[in-house]
All heavy atoms as atom14 arrays in JSON, in Angstrom:
{
  "sequence": "ARQAGISEVYLHQVFAGRRRPSRDRLLCICLGVEATLDEAQ",
  "atom14_mask": [
    [1, 1, 1, 1, 1, 0, 0, 0, 0, 0, 0, 0, 0, 0],
    [1, 1, 1, 1, 1, 1, 1, 1, 1, 1, 1, 0, 0, 0],
    [1, 1, 1, 1, 1, 1, 1, 1, 1, 0, 0, 0, 0, 0],
    [1, 1, 1, 1, 1, 0, 0, 0, 0, 0, 0, 0, 0, 0],
    [1, 1, 1, 1, 0, 0, 0, 0, 0, 0, 0, 0, 0, 0],
    [1, 1, 1, 1, 1, 1, 1, 1, 0, 0, 0, 0, 0, 0],
    [1, 1, 1, 1, 1, 1, 0, 0, 0, 0, 0, 0, 0, 0],
    [1, 1, 1, 1, 1, 1, 1, 1, 1, 0, 0, 0, 0, 0],
    [1, 1, 1, 1, 1, 1, 1, 0, 0, 0, 0, 0, 0, 0],
    [1, 1, 1, 1, 1, 1, 1, 1, 1, 1, 1, 1, 0, 0],
    [1, 1, 1, 1, 1, 1, 1, 1, 0, 0, 0, 0, 0, 0],
    [1, 1, 1, 1, 1, 1, 1, 1, 1, 1, 0, 0, 0, 0],
    [1, 1, 1, 1, 1, 1, 1, 1, 1, 0, 0, 0, 0, 0],
    [1, 1, 1, 1, 1, 1, 1, 0, 0, 0, 0, 0, 0, 0],
    [1, 1, 1, 1, 1, 1, 1, 1, 1, 1, 1, 0, 0, 0],
    [1, 1, 1, 1, 1, 0, 0, 0, 0, 0, 0, 0, 0, 0],
    [1, 1, 1, 1, 0, 0, 0, 0, 0, 0, 0, 0, 0, 0],
    [1, 1, 1, 1, 1, 1, 1, 1, 1, 1, 1, 0, 0, 0],
    [1, 1, 1, 1, 1, 1, 1, 1, 1, 1, 1, 0, 0, 0],
    [1, 1, 1, 1, 1, 1, 1, 1, 1, 1, 1, 0, 0, 0],
    [1, 1, 1, 1, 1, 1, 1, 0, 0, 0, 0, 0, 0, 0],
    [1, 1, 1, 1, 1, 1, 0, 0, 0, 0, 0, 0, 0, 0],
    [1, 1, 1, 1, 1, 1, 1, 1, 1, 1, 1, 0, 0, 0],
    [1, 1, 1, 1, 1, 1, 1, 1, 0, 0, 0, 0, 0, 0],
    [1, 1, 1, 1, 1, 1, 1, 1, 1, 1, 1, 0, 0, 0],
    [1, 1, 1, 1, 1, 1, 1, 1, 0, 0, 0, 0, 0, 0],
    [1, 1, 1, 1, 1, 1, 1, 1, 0, 0, 0, 0, 0, 0],
    [1, 1, 1, 1, 1, 1, 0, 0, 0, 0, 0, 0, 0, 0],
    [1, 1, 1, 1, 1, 1, 1, 1, 0, 0, 0, 0, 0, 0],
    [1, 1, 1, 1, 1, 1, 0, 0, 0, 0, 0, 0, 0, 0],
    [1, 1, 1, 1, 1, 1, 1, 1, 0, 0, 0, 0, 0, 0],
    [1, 1, 1, 1, 0, 0, 0, 0, 0, 0, 0, 0, 0, 0],
    [1, 1, 1, 1, 1, 1, 1, 0, 0, 0, 0, 0, 0, 0],
    [1, 1, 1, 1, 1, 1, 1, 1, 1, 0, 0, 0, 0, 0],
    [1, 1, 1, 1, 1, 0, 0, 0, 0, 0, 0, 0, 0, 0],
    [1, 1, 1, 1, 1, 1, 1, 0, 0, 0, 0, 0, 0, 0],
    [1, 1, 1, 1, 1, 1, 1, 1, 0, 0, 0, 0, 0, 0],
    [1, 1, 1, 1, 1, 1, 1, 1, 0, 0, 0, 0, 0, 0],
    [1, 1, 1, 1, 1, 1, 1, 1, 1, 0, 0, 0, 0, 0],
    [1, 1, 1, 1, 1, 0, 0, 0, 0, 0, 0, 0, 0, 0],
    [1, 1, 1, 1, 1, 1, 1, 1, 1, 0, 0, 0, 0, 0]
  ],
  "atom14_positions": [
    [[108.97, 108.53, 88.12], [108.0, 108.34, 89.17], [106.61, 108.64, 88.75], [105.66, 107.87, 89.04], [108.38, 109.3, 90.32], [0.0, 0.0, 0.0], [0.0, 0.0, 0.0], [0.0, 0.0, 0.0], [0.0, 0.0, 0.0], [0.0, 0.0, 0.0], [0.0, 0.0, 0.0], [0.0, 0.0, 0.0], [0.0, 0.0, 0.0], [0.0, 0.0, 0.0]],
    [[106.46, 109.71, 87.93], [105.07, 110.03, 87.44], [104.52, 108.87, 86.51], [103.39, 108.46, 86.64], [105.16, 111.38, 86.66], [103.75, 111.87, 86.26], [103.81, 113.09, 85.35], [104.44, 112.81, 84.02], [103.83, 112.1, 83.06], [102.66, 111.53, 83.27], [104.35, 111.84, 81.92], [0.0, 0.0, 0.0], [0.0, 0.0, 0.0], [0.0, 0.0, 0.0]],
    [[105.42, 108.45, 85.62], [105.0, 107.4, 84.65], [104.72, 106.06, 85.41], [103.87, 105.22, 84.92], [106.04, 107.19, 83.55], [106.11, 108.27, 82.59], [107.18, 108.04, 81.49], [107.75, 106.97, 81.37], [107.42, 109.11, 80.71], [0.0, 0.0, 0.0], [0.0, 0.0, 0.0], [0.0, 0.0, 0.0], [0.0, 0.0, 0.0], [0.0, 0.0, 0.0]],
    [[105.46, 105.82, 86.48], [105.23, 104.57, 87.23], [104.2, 104.68, 88.31], [103.86, 103.66, 88.96], [106.55, 104.16, 87.89], [0.0, 0.0, 0.0], [0.0, 0.0, 0.0], [0.0, 0.0, 0.0], [0.0, 0.0, 0.0], [0.0, 0.0, 0.0], [0.0, 0.0, 0.0], [0.0, 0.0, 0.0], [0.0, 0.0, 0.0], [0.0, 0.0, 0.0]],
    [[103.61, 105.86, 88.49], [102.53, 106.0, 89.43], [102.98, 105.91, 90.87], [102.22, 105.43, 91.76], [0.0, 0.0, 0.0], [0.0, 0.0, 0.0], [0.0, 0.0, 0.0], [0.0, 0.0, 0.0], [0.0, 0.0, 0.0], [0.0, 0.0, 0.0], [0.0, 0.0, 0.0], [0.0, 0.0, 0.0], [0.0, 0.0, 0.0], [0.0, 0.0, 0.0]],
    [[104.19, 106.24, 91.17], [104.76, 106.15, 92.56], [105.31, 107.56, 92.9], [105.6, 108.33, 92.03], [105.76, 105.05, 92.67], [106.98, 105.29, 91.72], [105.27, 103.7, 92.48], [108.06, 104.26, 91.87], [0.0, 0.0, 0.0], [0.0, 0.0, 0.0], [0.0, 0.0, 0.0], [0.0, 0.0, 0.0], [0.0, 0.0, 0.0], [0.0, 0.0, 0.0]],
    [[105.53, 107.73, 94.19], [106.11, 109.01, 94.61], [107.57, 109.1, 94.27], [108.29, 108.06, 94.21], [105.87, 109.23, 96.11], [106.88, 108.48, 96.84], [0.0, 0.0, 0.0], [0.0, 0.0, 0.0], [0.0, 0.0, 0.0], [0.0, 0.0, 0.0], [0.0, 0.0, 0.0], [0.0, 0.0, 0.0], [0.0, 0.0, 0.0], [0.0, 0.0, 0.0]],
    [[108.03, 110.3, 94.1], [109.45, 110.53, 93.73], [110.34, 110.15, 94.94], [111.36, 109.57, 94.71], [109.66, 112.03, 93.37], [110.85, 112.31, 92.66], [111.02, 113.74, 92.26], [109.97, 114.4, 92.07], [112.16, 114.23, 92.05], [0.0, 0.0, 0.0], [0.0, 0.0, 0.0], [0.0, 0.0, 0.0], [0.0, 0.0, 0.0], [0.0, 0.0, 0.0]],
    [[109.88, 110.36, 96.12], [110.62, 110.01, 97.32], [110.82, 108.54, 97.34], [111.9, 108.03, 97.59], [109.94, 110.54, 98.62], [110.62, 110.02, 99.87], [109.92, 112.05, 98.66], [0.0, 0.0, 0.0], [0.0, 0.0, 0.0], [0.0, 0.0, 0.0], [0.0, 0.0, 0.0], [0.0, 0.0, 0.0], [0.0, 0.0, 0.0], [0.0, 0.0, 0.0]],
    [[109.74, 107.75, 97.15], [109.8, 106.32, 97.16], [110.75, 105.84, 96.06], [111.62, 104.97, 96.36], [108.44, 105.72, 96.92], [108.39, 104.26, 96.85], [108.33, 103.42, 98.03], [108.48, 103.54, 95.66], [108.35, 102.05, 98.02], [108.51, 102.13, 95.61], [108.41, 101.45, 96.79], [108.33, 100.08, 96.77], [0.0, 0.0, 0.0], [0.0, 0.0, 0.0]],
    [[110.68, 106.37, 94.89], [111.58, 106.02, 93.79], [113.04, 106.23, 94.13], [113.88, 105.36, 93.91], [111.25, 106.69, 92.52], [112.03, 106.27, 91.28], [111.65, 104.87, 90.9], [111.82, 107.21, 90.11], [0.0, 0.0, 0.0], [0.0, 0.0, 0.0], [0.0, 0.0, 0.0], [0.0, 0.0, 0.0], [0.0, 0.0, 0.0], [0.0, 0.0, 0.0]],
    [[113.33, 107.4, 94.73], [114.72, 107.66, 95.16], [115.18, 106.67, 96.22], [116.36, 106.23, 96.15], [114.85, 109.12, 95.66], [114.92, 110.1, 94.6], [116.05, 110.4, 93.91], [114.02, 111.01, 94.11], [115.84, 111.36, 93.0], [114.58, 111.72, 93.17], [0.0, 0.0, 0.0], [0.0, 0.0, 0.0], [0.0, 0.0, 0.0], [0.0, 0.0, 0.0]],
    [[114.29, 106.26, 97.1], [114.66, 105.29, 98.14], [114.98, 103.93, 97.48], [115.86, 103.24, 97.88], [113.52, 105.15, 99.09], [113.4, 106.35, 100.01], [112.22, 106.31, 100.89], [111.26, 105.56, 100.67], [112.22, 107.11, 101.99], [0.0, 0.0, 0.0], [0.0, 0.0, 0.0], [0.0, 0.0, 0.0], [0.0, 0.0, 0.0], [0.0, 0.0, 0.0]],
    [[114.18, 103.56, 96.43], [114.48, 102.27, 95.69], [115.89, 102.37, 95.09], [116.62, 101.42, 95.22], [113.39, 102.05, 94.58], [113.78, 100.92, 93.72], [112.04, 101.75, 95.28], [0.0, 0.0, 0.0], [0.0, 0.0, 0.0], [0.0, 0.0, 0.0], [0.0, 0.0, 0.0], [0.0, 0.0, 0.0], [0.0, 0.0, 0.0], [0.0, 0.0, 0.0]],
    [[116.15, 103.42, 94.33], [117.42, 103.58, 93.67], [118.6, 103.64, 94.66], [119.72, 103.32, 94.33], [117.4, 104.77, 92.7], [116.89, 104.37, 91.39], [115.54, 104.68, 91.09], [117.62, 103.79, 90.36], [114.99, 104.34, 89.83], [117.09, 103.44, 89.14], [115.8, 103.73, 88.86], [0.0, 0.0, 0.0], [0.0, 0.0, 0.0], [0.0, 0.0, 0.0]],
    [[118.32, 104.15, 95.86], [119.37, 104.24, 96.88], [119.53, 102.9, 97.66], [120.47, 102.77, 98.41], [119.04, 105.34, 97.87], [0.0, 0.0, 0.0], [0.0, 0.0, 0.0], [0.0, 0.0, 0.0], [0.0, 0.0, 0.0], [0.0, 0.0, 0.0], [0.0, 0.0, 0.0], [0.0, 0.0, 0.0], [0.0, 0.0, 0.0], [0.0, 0.0, 0.0]],
    [[118.69, 101.97, 97.36], [118.72, 100.64, 98.0], [118.15, 100.64, 99.42], [118.31, 99.63, 100.09], [0.0, 0.0, 0.0], [0.0, 0.0, 0.0], [0.0, 0.0, 0.0], [0.0, 0.0, 0.0], [0.0, 0.0, 0.0], [0.0, 0.0, 0.0], [0.0, 0.0, 0.0], [0.0, 0.0, 0.0], [0.0, 0.0, 0.0], [0.0, 0.0, 0.0]],
    [[117.41, 101.69, 99.74], [116.78, 101.75, 101.08], [115.32, 101.08, 101.11], [114.84, 100.81, 102.15], [116.71, 103.18, 101.58], [118.09, 103.71, 101.91], [118.05, 105.06, 102.69], [117.16, 106.02, 102.06], [117.54, 106.97, 101.22], [118.84, 107.03, 100.84], [116.7, 107.87, 100.73], [0.0, 0.0, 0.0], [0.0, 0.0, 0.0], [0.0, 0.0, 0.0]],
    [[114.79, 100.99, 99.97], [113.46, 100.35, 99.8], [113.55, 99.24, 98.77], [114.19, 99.39, 97.75], [112.37, 101.41, 99.41], [112.13, 102.49, 100.3], [111.27, 102.12, 101.52], [109.98, 101.68, 101.25], [108.87, 102.39, 101.41], [108.95, 103.6, 101.82], [107.7, 101.85, 101.18], [0.0, 0.0, 0.0], [0.0, 0.0, 0.0], [0.0, 0.0, 0.0]],
    [[112.79, 98.15, 99.03], [112.69, 97.09, 98.11], [111.26, 97.11, 97.58], [110.29, 96.88, 98.31], [112.97, 95.76, 98.76], [112.93, 94.57, 97.81], [113.34, 93.29, 98.58], [113.4, 92.17, 97.64], [112.3, 91.37, 97.42], [111.17, 91.56, 98.06], [112.44, 90.37, 96.63], [0.0, 0.0, 0.0], [0.0, 0.0, 0.0], [0.0, 0.0, 0.0]],
    [[111.07, 97.4, 96.31], [109.7, 97.49, 95.77], [109.0, 96.17, 95.81], [109.64, 95.08, 95.61], [109.86, 97.97, 94.38], [111.23, 97.6, 93.96], [112.04, 97.6, 95.23], [0.0, 0.0, 0.0], [0.0, 0.0, 0.0], [0.0, 0.0, 0.0], [0.0, 0.0, 0.0], [0.0, 0.0, 0.0], [0.0, 0.0, 0.0], [0.0, 0.0, 0.0]],
    [[107.69, 96.2, 96.04], [106.87, 94.97, 95.9], [106.87, 94.59, 94.47], [107.3, 95.29, 93.6], [105.4, 95.3, 96.45], [104.86, 96.14, 95.52], [0.0, 0.0, 0.0], [0.0, 0.0, 0.0], [0.0, 0.0, 0.0], [0.0, 0.0, 0.0], [0.0, 0.0, 0.0], [0.0, 0.0, 0.0], [0.0, 0.0, 0.0], [0.0, 0.0, 0.0]],
    [[106.33, 93.4, 94.22], [106.28, 92.88, 92.84], [105.47, 93.86, 91.96], [105.93, 94.23, 90.88], [105.66, 91.53, 92.79], [105.59, 90.88, 91.4], [105.08, 89.42, 91.52], [105.15, 88.74, 90.27], [104.16, 88.69, 89.39], [102.96, 89.34, 89.66], [104.24, 87.98, 88.27], [0.0, 0.0, 0.0], [0.0, 0.0, 0.0], [0.0, 0.0, 0.0]],
    [[104.29, 94.34, 92.46], [103.49, 95.24, 91.64], [104.14, 96.56, 91.48], [104.11, 97.11, 90.36], [102.09, 95.48, 92.29], [101.18, 94.28, 92.09], [101.54, 93.36, 91.34], [100.08, 94.3, 92.69], [0.0, 0.0, 0.0], [0.0, 0.0, 0.0], [0.0, 0.0, 0.0], [0.0, 0.0, 0.0], [0.0, 0.0, 0.0], [0.0, 0.0, 0.0]],
    [[104.8, 97.07, 92.47], [105.55, 98.4, 92.37], [106.69, 98.21, 91.34], [106.99, 99.11, 90.55], [106.09, 98.85, 93.67], [104.99, 99.35, 94.58], [104.43, 100.68, 94.07], [103.42, 101.08, 94.98], [102.4, 101.85, 94.58], [102.3, 102.24, 93.36], [101.53, 102.24, 95.44], [0.0, 0.0, 0.0], [0.0, 0.0, 0.0], [0.0, 0.0, 0.0]],
    [[107.36, 97.04, 91.4], [108.45, 96.82, 90.45], [107.89, 96.78, 88.97], [108.54, 97.35, 88.06], [109.21, 95.54, 90.76], [110.42, 95.24, 89.9], [111.43, 96.38, 90.0], [111.11, 93.92, 90.39], [0.0, 0.0, 0.0], [0.0, 0.0, 0.0], [0.0, 0.0, 0.0], [0.0, 0.0, 0.0], [0.0, 0.0, 0.0], [0.0, 0.0, 0.0]],
    [[106.77, 96.15, 88.78], [106.1, 96.17, 87.51], [105.74, 97.55, 87.06], [105.91, 97.89, 85.87], [104.86, 95.26, 87.52], [105.18, 93.79, 87.54], [103.93, 92.97, 87.91], [105.8, 93.33, 86.21], [0.0, 0.0, 0.0], [0.0, 0.0, 0.0], [0.0, 0.0, 0.0], [0.0, 0.0, 0.0], [0.0, 0.0, 0.0], [0.0, 0.0, 0.0]],
    [[105.29, 98.41, 88.0], [104.98, 99.84, 87.68], [106.25, 100.53, 87.19], [106.24, 101.26, 86.19], [104.46, 100.52, 88.85], [102.76, 100.04, 89.3], [0.0, 0.0, 0.0], [0.0, 0.0, 0.0], [0.0, 0.0, 0.0], [0.0, 0.0, 0.0], [0.0, 0.0, 0.0], [0.0, 0.0, 0.0], [0.0, 0.0, 0.0], [0.0, 0.0, 0.0]],
    [[107.38, 100.22, 87.86], [108.61, 100.89, 87.47], [109.06, 100.32, 86.04], [109.53, 101.09, 85.3], [109.73, 100.64, 88.52], [109.34, 101.37, 89.85], [111.16, 101.1, 88.03], [110.25, 100.99, 91.07], [0.0, 0.0, 0.0], [0.0, 0.0, 0.0], [0.0, 0.0, 0.0], [0.0, 0.0, 0.0], [0.0, 0.0, 0.0], [0.0, 0.0, 0.0]],
    [[108.86, 99.05, 85.82], [109.2, 98.49, 84.55], [108.36, 99.24, 83.43], [108.94, 99.51, 82.35], [108.82, 96.98, 84.48], [109.95, 95.95, 85.4], [0.0, 0.0, 0.0], [0.0, 0.0, 0.0], [0.0, 0.0, 0.0], [0.0, 0.0, 0.0], [0.0, 0.0, 0.0], [0.0, 0.0, 0.0], [0.0, 0.0, 0.0], [0.0, 0.0, 0.0]],
    [[107.15, 99.46, 83.72], [106.31, 100.22, 82.77], [106.85, 101.69, 82.59], [106.86, 102.19, 81.46], [104.87, 100.22, 83.21], [104.15, 98.9, 83.04], [102.91, 98.81, 83.97], [103.78, 98.65, 81.58], [0.0, 0.0, 0.0], [0.0, 0.0, 0.0], [0.0, 0.0, 0.0], [0.0, 0.0, 0.0], [0.0, 0.0, 0.0], [0.0, 0.0, 0.0]],
    [[107.3, 102.24, 83.7], [107.8, 103.62, 83.62], [109.03, 103.69, 82.8], [109.28, 104.71, 82.08], [0.0, 0.0, 0.0], [0.0, 0.0, 0.0], [0.0, 0.0, 0.0], [0.0, 0.0, 0.0], [0.0, 0.0, 0.0], [0.0, 0.0, 0.0], [0.0, 0.0, 0.0], [0.0, 0.0, 0.0], [0.0, 0.0, 0.0], [0.0, 0.0, 0.0]],
    [[109.93, 102.68, 82.86], [111.19, 102.78, 82.09], [111.03, 102.08, 80.74], [111.99, 101.97, 79.95], [112.39, 102.11, 82.8], [112.74, 102.9, 84.08], [112.24, 100.66, 83.07], [0.0, 0.0, 0.0], [0.0, 0.0, 0.0], [0.0, 0.0, 0.0], [0.0, 0.0, 0.0], [0.0, 0.0, 0.0], [0.0, 0.0, 0.0], [0.0, 0.0, 0.0]],
    [[109.81, 101.67, 80.4], [109.45, 101.04, 79.12], [110.38, 99.79, 78.87], [110.92, 99.67, 77.86], [109.56, 102.05, 77.97], [108.55, 103.14, 78.07], [108.64, 104.15, 76.87], [109.7, 104.18, 76.19], [107.63, 104.76, 76.66], [0.0, 0.0, 0.0], [0.0, 0.0, 0.0], [0.0, 0.0, 0.0], [0.0, 0.0, 0.0], [0.0, 0.0, 0.0]],
    [[110.46, 99.01, 79.94], [111.19, 97.76, 79.79], [110.55, 96.8, 78.85], [109.33, 96.87, 78.72], [111.31, 97.11, 81.23], [0.0, 0.0, 0.0], [0.0, 0.0, 0.0], [0.0, 0.0, 0.0], [0.0, 0.0, 0.0], [0.0, 0.0, 0.0], [0.0, 0.0, 0.0], [0.0, 0.0, 0.0], [0.0, 0.0, 0.0], [0.0, 0.0, 0.0]],
    [[111.29, 96.01, 78.18], [110.73, 94.97, 77.34], [110.2, 93.88, 78.3], [110.53, 93.87, 79.49], [111.77, 94.37, 76.41], [112.74, 93.65, 77.22], [112.45, 95.42, 75.51], [0.0, 0.0, 0.0], [0.0, 0.0, 0.0], [0.0, 0.0, 0.0], [0.0, 0.0, 0.0], [0.0, 0.0, 0.0], [0.0, 0.0, 0.0], [0.0, 0.0, 0.0]],
    [[109.39, 92.94, 77.75], [108.92, 91.85, 78.59], [110.08, 91.02, 79.15], [110.02, 90.7, 80.3], [107.96, 90.98, 77.77], [107.33, 89.85, 78.59], [106.5, 90.38, 79.8], [106.41, 89.01, 77.7], [0.0, 0.0, 0.0], [0.0, 0.0, 0.0], [0.0, 0.0, 0.0], [0.0, 0.0, 0.0], [0.0, 0.0, 0.0], [0.0, 0.0, 0.0]],
    [[111.09, 90.77, 78.32], [112.26, 90.05, 78.74], [112.98, 90.73, 79.95], [113.38, 90.17, 80.89], [113.26, 89.78, 77.62], [112.74, 88.69, 76.69], [111.88, 87.94, 77.07], [113.33, 88.64, 75.54], [0.0, 0.0, 0.0], [0.0, 0.0, 0.0], [0.0, 0.0, 0.0], [0.0, 0.0, 0.0], [0.0, 0.0, 0.0], [0.0, 0.0, 0.0]],
    [[113.16, 92.06, 79.79], [113.81, 92.86, 80.84], [112.92, 92.86, 82.12], [113.48, 92.74, 83.21], [113.99, 94.28, 80.35], [115.05, 94.46, 79.28], [115.02, 95.77, 78.57], [113.98, 96.48, 78.6], [116.06, 96.1, 78.0], [0.0, 0.0, 0.0], [0.0, 0.0, 0.0], [0.0, 0.0, 0.0], [0.0, 0.0, 0.0], [0.0, 0.0, 0.0]],
    [[111.63, 92.97, 81.97], [110.73, 92.96, 83.14], [110.84, 91.57, 83.83], [110.88, 91.51, 85.08], [109.29, 93.27, 82.68], [0.0, 0.0, 0.0], [0.0, 0.0, 0.0], [0.0, 0.0, 0.0], [0.0, 0.0, 0.0], [0.0, 0.0, 0.0], [0.0, 0.0, 0.0], [0.0, 0.0, 0.0], [0.0, 0.0, 0.0], [0.0, 0.0, 0.0]],
    [[110.81, 90.51, 83.02], [110.92, 89.18, 83.62], [112.22, 89.0, 84.36], [112.26, 88.42, 85.44], [110.73, 88.08, 82.54], [109.42, 88.11, 81.76], [108.27, 87.59, 82.63], [108.04, 87.95, 83.71], [107.46, 86.69, 82.0], [0.0, 0.0, 0.0], [0.0, 0.0, 0.0], [0.0, 0.0, 0.0], [0.0, 0.0, 0.0], [0.0, 0.0, 0.0]]
  ]
}
């Protein structure tokens, strides 16, 4: 959550399937997990 610039509560909601991240938020999460470009795409 810290690396992705989002709140921990929001991140937990995403992983629980209760929130669907916007495209930009999903890109932030990709950066946080150090996804490759192929994985992010």
